[in-house]
Amino acid sequence: MTEDEMYEAVISNDGNYDGLFFYAVKSTGIFCRPSCKSKKPLRENVRFFKNAAEARAAGFRPCKRCRSDLLSYRPMEEIAGLVKRHLDGLYEQQSAWNDGLRELGLSQHRAVEVFKAAYGMTPKAYMDKLKLQEAKRLLAGTNDRVIDIAASVGFGSLGTFNRFFKEQVGSSPVQYRKTHRHD
């Protein structure tokens, strides 16, 4: 691979070249992966290296953005994995719900109708009621952070929890805690 090809990979932030070479910028003293999203360096300021050890030996320090010092640093992939596991858990819960209904001989639609006729609310409204009761209990009786309470009662984000809580109670979780605290 020529230096011109490597420079083109750097300019286009091509992650396919990560691990094949590193580039360093003389003016900053930093070395990066080809996929680094940092400012595009001037060609005359760029040096290329086969590996991170060569770049370090030449006196360059690793980039804090692309973490060129680590073999595999892909924070977005880690975050995507966490989201996927969360969604897998939700899917598994939904599958368990649907399996339970099949065992009862009901479709989801029919189960909602039957539940609503008996209790005056949908299963979702009932689950929301249980979440709200538990959130109120935790807010009034523990020192847990609001974000931790939101997660423990089944909310994926603090904003969603705050909106839900305010719609149901008429105050924010923090305001509720201040007025209902059991110390």
N, C-alpha and C. Protein backbone atom coordinates (compact mmCIF):
# COMPACT_ATOMS: atom_id res chain seq x y z
N MET A 1 0.85 -1.17 0.00
CA MET A 1 0.00 0.00 0.00
C MET A 1 0.91 1.24 0.00
N THR A 2 0.58 2.17 -0.85
CA THR A 2 1.40 3.39 -0.94
C THR A 2 0.98 4.39 0.14
N GLU A 3 1.83 5.36 0.40
CA GLU A 3 1.50 6.40 1.37
C GLU A 3 0.32 7.24 0.87
N ASP A 4 0.21 7.42 -0.44
CA ASP A 4 -0.93 8.17 -0.98
C ASP A 4 -2.24 7.43 -0.70
N GLU A 5 -2.23 6.11 -0.83
CA GLU A 5 -3.43 5.30 -0.53
C GLU A 5 -3.75 5.39 0.97
N MET A 6 -2.71 5.34 1.78
CA MET A 6 -2.93 5.44 3.23
C MET A 6 -3.49 6.82 3.58
N TYR A 7 -2.95 7.86 2.96
CA TYR A 7 -3.45 9.21 3.25
C TYR A 7 -4.92 9.34 2.83
N GLU A 8 -5.28 8.74 1.72
CA GLU A 8 -6.68 8.77 1.26
C GLU A 8 -7.58 8.07 2.27
N ALA A 9 -7.11 6.96 2.85
CA ALA A 9 -7.88 6.25 3.89
C ALA A 9 -8.06 7.14 5.12
N VAL A 10 -7.02 7.90 5.46
CA VAL A 10 -7.09 8.82 6.61
C VAL A 10 -8.11 9.92 6.33
N ILE A 11 -8.05 10.51 5.16
CA ILE A 11 -8.95 11.62 4.80
C ILE A 11 -10.41 11.15 4.78
N SER A 12 -10.62 9.90 4.36
CA SER A 12 -12.00 9.38 4.29
C SER A 12 -12.42 8.65 5.56
N ASN A 13 -11.58 8.66 6.60
CA ASN A 13 -11.87 7.98 7.88
C ASN A 13 -12.29 6.53 7.68
N ASP A 14 -11.57 5.83 6.83
CA ASP A 14 -11.94 4.47 6.46
C ASP A 14 -11.51 3.46 7.53
N GLY A 15 -12.48 2.96 8.27
CA GLY A 15 -12.23 2.00 9.34
C GLY A 15 -11.73 0.66 8.84
N ASN A 16 -11.87 0.38 7.54
CA ASN A 16 -11.37 -0.89 7.00
C ASN A 16 -9.85 -0.99 7.10
N TYR A 17 -9.17 0.14 7.27
CA TYR A 17 -7.72 0.16 7.37
C TYR A 17 -7.22 0.14 8.81
N ASP A 18 -8.13 0.23 9.77
CA ASP A 18 -7.71 0.18 11.17
C ASP A 18 -6.97 -1.12 11.43
N GLY A 19 -5.84 -1.01 12.08
CA GLY A 19 -5.03 -2.18 12.38
C GLY A 19 -3.99 -2.48 11.32
N LEU A 20 -4.20 -1.94 10.10
CA LEU A 20 -3.22 -2.16 9.03
C LEU A 20 -2.08 -1.16 9.10
N PHE A 21 -2.41 0.03 9.58
CA PHE A 21 -1.39 1.06 9.77
C PHE A 21 -1.92 2.13 10.71
N PHE A 22 -1.02 2.97 11.20
CA PHE A 22 -1.35 4.12 12.02
C PHE A 22 -0.74 5.34 11.35
N TYR A 23 -1.31 6.49 11.61
CA TYR A 23 -0.68 7.71 11.10
C TYR A 23 -0.45 8.66 12.26
N ALA A 24 0.59 9.45 12.13
CA ALA A 24 0.93 10.44 13.16
C ALA A 24 0.98 11.80 12.50
N VAL A 25 0.67 12.82 13.29
CA VAL A 25 0.69 14.19 12.80
C VAL A 25 1.83 14.91 13.52
N LYS A 26 2.80 15.34 12.74
CA LYS A 26 4.00 15.97 13.31
C LYS A 26 3.66 17.22 14.12
N SER A 27 2.71 18.01 13.65
CA SER A 27 2.40 19.28 14.32
C SER A 27 1.73 19.09 15.68
N THR A 28 1.06 17.94 15.90
CA THR A 28 0.38 17.71 17.18
C THR A 28 1.13 16.72 18.07
N GLY A 29 1.95 15.86 17.45
CA GLY A 29 2.66 14.84 18.21
C GLY A 29 1.78 13.66 18.58
N ILE A 30 0.69 13.48 17.86
CA ILE A 30 -0.30 12.45 18.18
C ILE A 30 -0.38 11.44 17.04
N PHE A 31 -0.59 10.15 17.41
CA PHE A 31 -0.83 9.15 16.36
C PHE A 31 -2.25 8.60 16.50
N CYS A 32 -2.83 8.26 15.35
CA CYS A 32 -4.25 7.87 15.27
C CYS A 32 -4.44 6.63 14.40
N ARG A 33 -5.65 6.11 14.47
CA ARG A 33 -6.11 5.07 13.55
C ARG A 33 -6.60 5.77 12.28
N PRO A 34 -6.65 5.08 11.16
CA PRO A 34 -7.18 5.70 9.94
C PRO A 34 -8.63 6.17 10.08
N SER A 35 -9.41 5.54 10.94
CA SER A 35 -10.83 5.90 11.08
C SER A 35 -11.07 7.08 12.02
N CYS A 36 -10.02 7.63 12.61
CA CYS A 36 -10.19 8.70 13.59
C CYS A 36 -10.93 9.90 12.98
N LYS A 37 -11.87 10.43 13.74
CA LYS A 37 -12.70 11.55 13.26
C LYS A 37 -12.09 12.91 13.59
N SER A 38 -10.81 12.93 13.93
CA SER A 38 -10.17 14.20 14.25
C SER A 38 -10.01 15.05 12.98
N LYS A 39 -9.57 16.27 13.18
CA LYS A 39 -9.38 17.21 12.07
C LYS A 39 -8.43 16.60 11.03
N LYS A 40 -8.74 16.81 9.77
CA LYS A 40 -7.93 16.27 8.68
C LYS A 40 -6.55 16.92 8.68
N PRO A 41 -5.49 16.10 8.75
CA PRO A 41 -4.15 16.67 8.79
C PRO A 41 -3.65 17.06 7.39
N LEU A 42 -2.77 18.01 7.36
CA LEU A 42 -2.11 18.35 6.10
C LEU A 42 -1.17 17.22 5.73
N ARG A 43 -1.10 16.90 4.46
CA ARG A 43 -0.29 15.76 3.99
C ARG A 43 1.17 15.88 4.42
N GLU A 44 1.70 17.09 4.36
CA GLU A 44 3.13 17.25 4.70
C GLU A 44 3.41 17.03 6.19
N ASN A 45 2.36 17.02 7.04
CA ASN A 45 2.55 16.80 8.48
C ASN A 45 2.33 15.35 8.90
N VAL A 46 2.03 14.46 7.95
CA VAL A 46 1.65 13.09 8.28
C VAL A 46 2.82 12.12 8.08
N ARG A 47 2.96 11.21 9.06
CA ARG A 47 3.89 10.08 8.95
C ARG A 47 3.08 8.81 9.17
N PHE A 48 3.49 7.73 8.53
CA PHE A 48 2.77 6.46 8.64
C PHE A 48 3.62 5.42 9.35
N PHE A 49 2.94 4.55 10.12
CA PHE A 49 3.62 3.51 10.88
C PHE A 49 2.86 2.20 10.74
N LYS A 50 3.59 1.09 10.82
CA LYS A 50 2.97 -0.24 10.71
C LYS A 50 2.16 -0.58 11.96
N ASN A 51 2.61 -0.07 13.11
CA ASN A 51 1.91 -0.39 14.35
C ASN A 51 2.08 0.74 15.37
N ALA A 52 1.34 0.62 16.46
CA ALA A 52 1.35 1.66 17.49
C ALA A 52 2.72 1.75 18.17
N ALA A 53 3.40 0.61 18.31
CA ALA A 53 4.72 0.61 18.96
C ALA A 53 5.71 1.47 18.18
N GLU A 54 5.66 1.38 16.85
CA GLU A 54 6.56 2.20 16.02
C GLU A 54 6.27 3.68 16.22
N ALA A 55 4.99 4.03 16.26
CA ALA A 55 4.61 5.43 16.44
C ALA A 55 5.08 5.95 17.80
N ARG A 56 4.93 5.14 18.83
CA ARG A 56 5.40 5.53 20.16
C ARG A 56 6.92 5.70 20.18
N ALA A 57 7.60 4.75 19.55
CA ALA A 57 9.07 4.80 19.51
C ALA A 57 9.56 6.04 18.79
N ALA A 58 8.76 6.55 17.86
CA ALA A 58 9.13 7.76 17.13
C ALA A 58 8.76 9.03 17.92
N GLY A 59 8.20 8.84 19.12
CA GLY A 59 7.92 9.98 19.99
C GLY A 59 6.50 10.53 19.93
N PHE A 60 5.58 9.81 19.30
CA PHE A 60 4.19 10.26 19.22
C PHE A 60 3.37 9.63 20.34
N ARG A 61 2.37 10.35 20.81
CA ARG A 61 1.49 9.83 21.86
C ARG A 61 0.15 9.43 21.25
N PRO A 62 -0.57 8.50 21.89
CA PRO A 62 -1.84 8.03 21.32
C PRO A 62 -2.94 9.09 21.39
N CYS A 63 -3.80 9.04 20.42
CA CYS A 63 -4.96 9.94 20.35
C CYS A 63 -5.97 9.57 21.42
N LYS A 64 -6.54 10.58 22.07
CA LYS A 64 -7.55 10.32 23.10
C LYS A 64 -8.93 10.09 22.49
N ARG A 65 -9.11 10.49 21.24
CA ARG A 65 -10.40 10.31 20.57
C ARG A 65 -10.56 8.89 20.05
N CYS A 66 -9.61 8.43 19.24
CA CYS A 66 -9.75 7.09 18.64
C CYS A 66 -9.08 6.00 19.46
N ARG A 67 -8.41 6.40 20.55
CA ARG A 67 -7.73 5.46 21.44
C ARG A 67 -6.84 4.51 20.67
N SER A 68 -5.93 5.10 19.89
CA SER A 68 -5.02 4.33 19.06
C SER A 68 -4.09 3.44 19.87
N ASP A 69 -4.06 3.62 21.18
CA ASP A 69 -3.21 2.79 22.04
C ASP A 69 -3.87 1.46 22.41
N LEU A 70 -5.15 1.32 22.15
CA LEU A 70 -5.86 0.09 22.49
C LEU A 70 -6.07 -0.75 21.24
N LEU A 71 -6.00 -2.06 21.41
CA LEU A 71 -6.18 -2.93 20.25
C LEU A 71 -7.59 -2.82 19.69
N SER A 72 -8.57 -2.87 20.57
CA SER A 72 -9.95 -2.76 20.08
C SER A 72 -10.74 -1.85 20.99
N TYR A 73 -10.84 -0.63 20.59
CA TYR A 73 -11.63 0.34 21.34
C TYR A 73 -12.72 0.82 20.40
N ARG A 74 -13.91 0.33 20.64
CA ARG A 74 -15.04 0.69 19.79
C ARG A 74 -16.22 0.98 20.70
N PRO A 75 -16.23 2.17 21.30
CA PRO A 75 -17.27 2.47 22.27
C PRO A 75 -18.67 2.44 21.68
N MET A 76 -18.84 2.84 20.43
CA MET A 76 -20.18 2.82 19.83
C MET A 76 -20.68 1.39 19.67
N GLU A 77 -19.76 0.47 19.36
CA GLU A 77 -20.15 -0.93 19.27
C GLU A 77 -20.55 -1.46 20.64
N GLU A 78 -19.84 -1.03 21.69
CA GLU A 78 -20.20 -1.45 23.05
C GLU A 78 -21.58 -0.92 23.42
N ILE A 79 -21.84 0.34 23.10
CA ILE A 79 -23.15 0.94 23.40
C ILE A 79 -24.24 0.23 22.61
N ALA A 80 -23.97 -0.03 21.32
CA ALA A 80 -24.94 -0.74 20.49
C ALA A 80 -25.23 -2.12 21.08
N GLY A 81 -24.20 -2.78 21.60
CA GLY A 81 -24.39 -4.09 22.23
C GLY A 81 -25.27 -4.01 23.46
N LEU A 82 -25.07 -2.97 24.26
CA LEU A 82 -25.93 -2.79 25.45
C LEU A 82 -27.38 -2.56 25.04
N VAL A 83 -27.59 -1.73 24.02
CA VAL A 83 -28.95 -1.48 23.54
C VAL A 83 -29.57 -2.77 23.02
N LYS A 84 -28.78 -3.54 22.28
CA LYS A 84 -29.29 -4.80 21.73
C LYS A 84 -29.70 -5.75 22.85
N ARG A 85 -28.85 -5.88 23.88
CA ARG A 85 -29.20 -6.76 25.00
C ARG A 85 -30.48 -6.29 25.69
N HIS A 86 -30.63 -4.96 25.82
CA HIS A 86 -31.86 -4.42 26.41
C HIS A 86 -33.07 -4.80 25.56
N LEU A 87 -32.95 -4.62 24.25
CA LEU A 87 -34.07 -4.96 23.36
C LEU A 87 -34.34 -6.46 23.37
N ASP A 88 -33.26 -7.26 23.43
CA ASP A 88 -33.46 -8.71 23.52
C ASP A 88 -34.25 -9.07 24.77
N GLY A 89 -33.95 -8.39 25.89
CA GLY A 89 -34.69 -8.64 27.13
C GLY A 89 -36.15 -8.27 26.99
N LEU A 90 -36.41 -7.14 26.33
CA LEU A 90 -37.80 -6.74 26.11
C LEU A 90 -38.51 -7.74 25.23
N TYR A 91 -37.80 -8.20 24.19
CA TYR A 91 -38.40 -9.19 23.30
C TYR A 91 -38.71 -10.47 24.06
N GLU A 92 -37.75 -10.90 24.90
CA GLU A 92 -37.96 -12.11 25.67
C GLU A 92 -39.15 -11.97 26.62
N GLN A 93 -39.30 -10.79 27.22
CA GLN A 93 -40.46 -10.56 28.11
C GLN A 93 -41.75 -10.62 27.31
N GLN A 94 -41.74 -10.00 26.11
CA GLN A 94 -42.94 -10.04 25.27
C GLN A 94 -43.23 -11.47 24.83
N SER A 95 -42.19 -12.23 24.50
CA SER A 95 -42.38 -13.62 24.10
C SER A 95 -42.97 -14.42 25.25
N ALA A 96 -42.46 -14.19 26.47
CA ALA A 96 -42.99 -14.90 27.64
C ALA A 96 -44.46 -14.55 27.84
N TRP A 97 -44.81 -13.28 27.67
CA TRP A 97 -46.20 -12.83 27.79
C TRP A 97 -47.06 -13.55 26.76
N ASN A 98 -46.59 -13.57 25.51
CA ASN A 98 -47.35 -14.23 24.44
C ASN A 98 -47.44 -15.73 24.66
N ASP A 99 -46.36 -16.37 25.15
CA ASP A 99 -46.40 -17.81 25.43
C ASP A 99 -47.41 -18.11 26.53
N GLY A 100 -47.43 -17.27 27.54
CA GLY A 100 -48.40 -17.46 28.63
C GLY A 100 -49.83 -17.34 28.13
N LEU A 101 -50.07 -16.42 27.23
CA LEU A 101 -51.41 -16.27 26.67
C LEU A 101 -51.80 -17.49 25.84
N ARG A 102 -50.85 -18.01 25.07
CA ARG A 102 -51.14 -19.20 24.25
C ARG A 102 -51.50 -20.38 25.16
N GLU A 103 -50.80 -20.48 26.29
CA GLU A 103 -51.12 -21.55 27.23
C GLU A 103 -52.54 -21.41 27.75
N LEU A 104 -53.01 -20.18 27.86
CA LEU A 104 -54.39 -19.93 28.31
C LEU A 104 -55.38 -20.07 27.17
N GLY A 105 -54.87 -20.20 25.94
CA GLY A 105 -55.75 -20.32 24.79
C GLY A 105 -56.28 -18.98 24.31
N LEU A 106 -55.52 -17.88 24.55
CA LEU A 106 -55.97 -16.55 24.17
C LEU A 106 -54.99 -15.88 23.23
N SER A 107 -55.51 -15.06 22.36
CA SER A 107 -54.64 -14.19 21.58
C SER A 107 -54.36 -12.96 22.42
N GLN A 108 -53.38 -12.17 22.03
CA GLN A 108 -53.07 -10.96 22.78
C GLN A 108 -54.27 -10.01 22.77
N HIS A 109 -54.89 -9.87 21.62
CA HIS A 109 -56.05 -8.98 21.50
C HIS A 109 -57.18 -9.42 22.43
N ARG A 110 -57.47 -10.73 22.44
CA ARG A 110 -58.56 -11.24 23.28
C ARG A 110 -58.20 -11.10 24.76
N ALA A 111 -56.94 -11.32 25.11
CA ALA A 111 -56.52 -11.18 26.51
C ALA A 111 -56.72 -9.75 26.99
N VAL A 112 -56.41 -8.78 26.13
CA VAL A 112 -56.61 -7.38 26.50
C VAL A 112 -58.10 -7.10 26.72
N GLU A 113 -58.94 -7.61 25.83
CA GLU A 113 -60.39 -7.41 25.97
C GLU A 113 -60.90 -7.99 27.28
N VAL A 114 -60.50 -9.23 27.58
CA VAL A 114 -60.96 -9.92 28.80
C VAL A 114 -60.48 -9.18 30.04
N PHE A 115 -59.20 -8.79 30.06
CA PHE A 115 -58.63 -8.10 31.20
C PHE A 115 -59.34 -6.76 31.43
N LYS A 116 -59.55 -6.04 30.34
CA LYS A 116 -60.19 -4.73 30.44
C LYS A 116 -61.63 -4.85 30.94
N ALA A 117 -62.32 -5.87 30.48
CA ALA A 117 -63.71 -6.09 30.94
C ALA A 117 -63.74 -6.40 32.44
N ALA A 118 -62.75 -7.14 32.91
CA ALA A 118 -62.74 -7.54 34.32
C ALA A 118 -62.22 -6.45 35.24
N TYR A 119 -61.21 -5.70 34.80
CA TYR A 119 -60.54 -4.75 35.69
C TYR A 119 -60.69 -3.29 35.29
N GLY A 120 -61.35 -3.04 34.17
CA GLY A 120 -61.59 -1.66 33.76
C GLY A 120 -60.36 -0.95 33.21
N MET A 121 -59.32 -1.70 32.91
CA MET A 121 -58.10 -1.11 32.34
C MET A 121 -57.38 -2.17 31.53
N THR A 122 -56.52 -1.72 30.63
CA THR A 122 -55.73 -2.65 29.83
C THR A 122 -54.58 -3.21 30.66
N PRO A 123 -54.00 -4.33 30.23
CA PRO A 123 -52.83 -4.84 30.94
C PRO A 123 -51.69 -3.80 30.99
N LYS A 124 -51.52 -3.01 29.94
CA LYS A 124 -50.49 -1.98 29.96
C LYS A 124 -50.79 -0.94 31.02
N ALA A 125 -52.04 -0.50 31.11
CA ALA A 125 -52.41 0.47 32.14
C ALA A 125 -52.18 -0.12 33.54
N TYR A 126 -52.48 -1.40 33.70
CA TYR A 126 -52.25 -2.06 34.97
C TYR A 126 -50.75 -2.10 35.30
N MET A 127 -49.92 -2.45 34.30
CA MET A 127 -48.47 -2.47 34.52
C MET A 127 -47.96 -1.06 34.85
N ASP A 128 -48.50 -0.05 34.18
CA ASP A 128 -48.12 1.33 34.47
C ASP A 128 -48.47 1.69 35.92
N LYS A 129 -49.63 1.20 36.36
CA LYS A 129 -50.06 1.46 37.74
C LYS A 129 -49.09 0.81 38.74
N LEU A 130 -48.67 -0.42 38.45
CA LEU A 130 -47.70 -1.10 39.32
C LEU A 130 -46.36 -0.37 39.32
N LYS A 131 -45.91 0.07 38.15
CA LYS A 131 -44.65 0.82 38.06
C LYS A 131 -44.74 2.10 38.88
N LEU A 132 -45.86 2.79 38.79
CA LEU A 132 -46.05 4.04 39.53
C LEU A 132 -46.04 3.80 41.03
N GLN A 133 -46.73 2.75 41.48
CA GLN A 133 -46.75 2.44 42.91
C GLN A 133 -45.35 2.15 43.43
N GLU A 134 -44.58 1.38 42.67
CA GLU A 134 -43.22 1.04 43.10
C GLU A 134 -42.33 2.28 43.07
N ALA A 135 -42.47 3.10 42.06
CA ALA A 135 -41.67 4.33 41.97
C ALA A 135 -41.97 5.23 43.16
N LYS A 136 -43.24 5.40 43.50
CA LYS A 136 -43.61 6.23 44.65
C LYS A 136 -43.00 5.66 45.94
N ARG A 137 -43.09 4.35 46.11
CA ARG A 137 -42.53 3.71 47.30
C ARG A 137 -41.03 3.97 47.39
N LEU A 138 -40.32 3.80 46.29
CA LEU A 138 -38.87 4.00 46.29
C LEU A 138 -38.51 5.47 46.49
N LEU A 139 -39.25 6.36 45.90
CA LEU A 139 -38.96 7.79 46.07
C LEU A 139 -39.17 8.23 47.51
N ALA A 140 -40.23 7.74 48.13
CA ALA A 140 -40.54 8.15 49.50
C ALA A 140 -39.69 7.42 50.54
N GLY A 141 -39.25 6.21 50.24
CA GLY A 141 -38.62 5.41 51.27
C GLY A 141 -37.15 5.08 51.11
N THR A 142 -36.53 5.54 50.02
CA THR A 142 -35.11 5.23 49.82
C THR A 142 -34.35 6.48 49.43
N ASN A 143 -33.03 6.35 49.44
CA ASN A 143 -32.16 7.43 48.96
C ASN A 143 -31.66 7.14 47.55
N ASP A 144 -32.25 6.15 46.89
CA ASP A 144 -31.83 5.80 45.53
C ASP A 144 -31.97 7.01 44.62
N ARG A 145 -31.05 7.11 43.67
CA ARG A 145 -31.13 8.20 42.71
C ARG A 145 -32.36 8.00 41.82
N VAL A 146 -32.94 9.09 41.36
CA VAL A 146 -34.14 9.02 40.53
C VAL A 146 -33.88 8.20 39.28
N ILE A 147 -32.72 8.36 38.67
CA ILE A 147 -32.43 7.60 37.45
C ILE A 147 -32.38 6.09 37.75
N ASP A 148 -31.89 5.71 38.93
CA ASP A 148 -31.85 4.30 39.29
C ASP A 148 -33.26 3.77 39.56
N ILE A 149 -34.08 4.59 40.15
CA ILE A 149 -35.48 4.20 40.37
C ILE A 149 -36.19 4.02 39.03
N ALA A 150 -35.96 4.95 38.11
CA ALA A 150 -36.58 4.86 36.79
C ALA A 150 -36.22 3.54 36.13
N ALA A 151 -34.95 3.18 36.18
CA ALA A 151 -34.51 1.92 35.56
C ALA A 151 -35.10 0.72 36.28
N SER A 152 -35.16 0.77 37.60
CA SER A 152 -35.65 -0.39 38.35
C SER A 152 -37.13 -0.65 38.14
N VAL A 153 -37.89 0.37 37.78
CA VAL A 153 -39.32 0.15 37.52
C VAL A 153 -39.62 -0.02 36.04
N GLY A 154 -38.56 -0.08 35.22
CA GLY A 154 -38.76 -0.47 33.83
C GLY A 154 -38.70 0.62 32.79
N PHE A 155 -38.14 1.77 33.12
CA PHE A 155 -38.04 2.84 32.13
C PHE A 155 -36.63 2.88 31.56
N GLY A 156 -36.54 3.04 30.25
CA GLY A 156 -35.26 3.06 29.56
C GLY A 156 -34.57 4.41 29.62
N SER A 157 -35.32 5.46 29.94
CA SER A 157 -34.69 6.78 30.02
C SER A 157 -35.32 7.59 31.14
N LEU A 158 -34.53 8.48 31.68
CA LEU A 158 -35.00 9.34 32.76
C LEU A 158 -36.08 10.29 32.25
N GLY A 159 -35.92 10.79 31.03
CA GLY A 159 -36.91 11.71 30.48
C GLY A 159 -38.28 11.07 30.35
N THR A 160 -38.31 9.83 29.88
CA THR A 160 -39.59 9.12 29.75
C THR A 160 -40.21 8.91 31.12
N PHE A 161 -39.40 8.52 32.09
CA PHE A 161 -39.90 8.32 33.45
C PHE A 161 -40.47 9.62 34.02
N ASN A 162 -39.70 10.72 33.87
CA ASN A 162 -40.17 12.01 34.40
C ASN A 162 -41.51 12.42 33.78
N ARG A 163 -41.63 12.26 32.44
CA ARG A 163 -42.90 12.61 31.77
C ARG A 163 -44.05 11.74 32.28
N PHE A 164 -43.80 10.44 32.34
CA PHE A 164 -44.81 9.50 32.82
C PHE A 164 -45.25 9.86 34.24
N PHE A 165 -44.26 10.07 35.11
CA PHE A 165 -44.56 10.36 36.52
C PHE A 165 -45.36 11.65 36.65
N LYS A 166 -44.95 12.69 35.94
CA LYS A 166 -45.63 13.98 36.03
C LYS A 166 -47.06 13.89 35.50
N GLU A 167 -47.26 13.13 34.41
CA GLU A 167 -48.61 12.94 33.87
C GLU A 167 -49.50 12.22 34.87
N GLN A 168 -48.96 11.25 35.57
CA GLN A 168 -49.75 10.43 36.49
C GLN A 168 -49.98 11.11 37.84
N VAL A 169 -48.97 11.80 38.34
CA VAL A 169 -49.01 12.32 39.71
C VAL A 169 -49.23 13.84 39.76
N GLY A 170 -48.82 14.53 38.73
CA GLY A 170 -48.97 15.98 38.72
C GLY A 170 -47.75 16.72 39.26
N SER A 171 -46.71 15.97 39.59
CA SER A 171 -45.46 16.59 40.03
C SER A 171 -44.29 15.74 39.53
N SER A 172 -43.13 16.32 39.57
CA SER A 172 -41.95 15.56 39.15
C SER A 172 -41.57 14.57 40.25
N PRO A 173 -40.78 13.56 39.91
CA PRO A 173 -40.32 12.63 40.95
C PRO A 173 -39.57 13.32 42.08
N VAL A 174 -38.77 14.31 41.76
CA VAL A 174 -38.01 15.04 42.79
C VAL A 174 -38.97 15.79 43.71
N GLN A 175 -39.96 16.46 43.14
CA GLN A 175 -40.95 17.18 43.96
C GLN A 175 -41.73 16.20 44.83
N TYR A 176 -42.10 15.06 44.26
CA TYR A 176 -42.83 14.04 45.01
C TYR A 176 -41.99 13.57 46.20
N ARG A 177 -40.72 13.32 45.96
CA ARG A 177 -39.83 12.86 47.02
C ARG A 177 -39.77 13.88 48.16
N LYS A 178 -39.67 15.16 47.82
CA LYS A 178 -39.56 16.20 48.84
C LYS A 178 -40.79 16.24 49.74
N THR A 179 -41.97 16.03 49.18
CA THR A 179 -43.20 16.14 49.97
C THR A 179 -43.65 14.83 50.61
N HIS A 180 -43.12 13.69 50.18
CA HIS A 180 -43.58 12.40 50.69
C HIS A 180 -42.49 11.57 51.34
N ARG A 181 -41.41 12.17 51.70
CA ARG A 181 -40.25 11.48 52.24
C ARG A 181 -40.54 10.85 53.59
N HIS A 182 -40.19 9.56 53.78
CA HIS A 182 -40.29 8.87 55.08
C HIS A 182 -38.89 8.72 55.65
N ASP A 183 -38.45 9.61 56.47
CA ASP A 183 -37.09 9.49 57.03
C ASP A 183 -37.07 8.84 58.37
